[in-house]
Amino acid sequence: MDNKYPGAVGLGAVLKSAFYYWNRTLVYQLSYSLLFFSLFFLGYFYLFRYFGLWDALSPYTDLVQTDMAAFNQKAAEVAQLPQTQGFVLGLFILLSLVGPLNVGFYEMYRKIDLDEKVTLNDLFAGYRGFDFFKFFGFYLFWFIVFSYANSLIVLGFVWIMITLFCVPLMYFRNATSFAGIRETFGVLRQDFSTPIIAAVVAILFSLSGLILFGVGFLLTFPFWHAVVFSLYRQYFSFVPEKSSE
């Protein structure tokens, strides 16, 4: 892929660039968050009912107000039902279906770099043609692995870091998932601290809207993608044009 990893990259420059991309796309981030969470929660409750978990749990909902410990015990029993496995698999598929919405931000940031007009239609870049199946497969793989790795928080964060550049590499260079992981390793070997610190800042800022401003989470949630793109542009020598199919 002819990547030339520079030495350590300035954290300040990365974050300044990320805030620039984030600030330029606030309207689209709000649209993204509303669409993402609407689709997710609609799908979640549909699956919850479809697999009979709602019927299994609803007789005990009154316990939430009277005996939370008893309700948690009943919820744990429902979680052991055979159909729960189907629900979890359905949840992975649901997340993988909405996951390609993330790709749209990289298309928007690319257009900003090229001084092209950004439109709401760019948000659906990950659903065009074969790209949809490529990113659907990646996100399905990613969420399944993350669900196991996240049983230990450290492993979950490690999985996030070793796949940090997979999506932009897949989008801009038609890399495979494993090639993206290999390229990310190459970056982390050269400069470990900057991506780690930038990722932590991105996570904290993304969650800050929920902690400090409530509905502000709809705007801060997508900040992660701006940080990833900013890091990507620092570490990979590339012309910001999407690779031809």
Foldseek 3Di string as FASTA:
>chain_A
DPFDFDFADDLVQLVVQLVVLLVVCQVLLLVLLVVLVVLLVVQLVVLCVVLPVCVQLVVCPVCVVPPVVVSVVSNVVSCPDPSVVVSVLSSLLSCLQSVLLLLLSLVSVLCVVVVHDDDSVSSNVCVPDCSSVQSSVVSSVLVVVLVVLVVPVVSNVVSCQLQLQVSVCCFAPVDHSVVSSVVSVVNCVRYVPSVVVLQVVLVCQLCCCCVPPNVRNSSSVSSSSSSSSSVCVNGGDDNSDHDDD
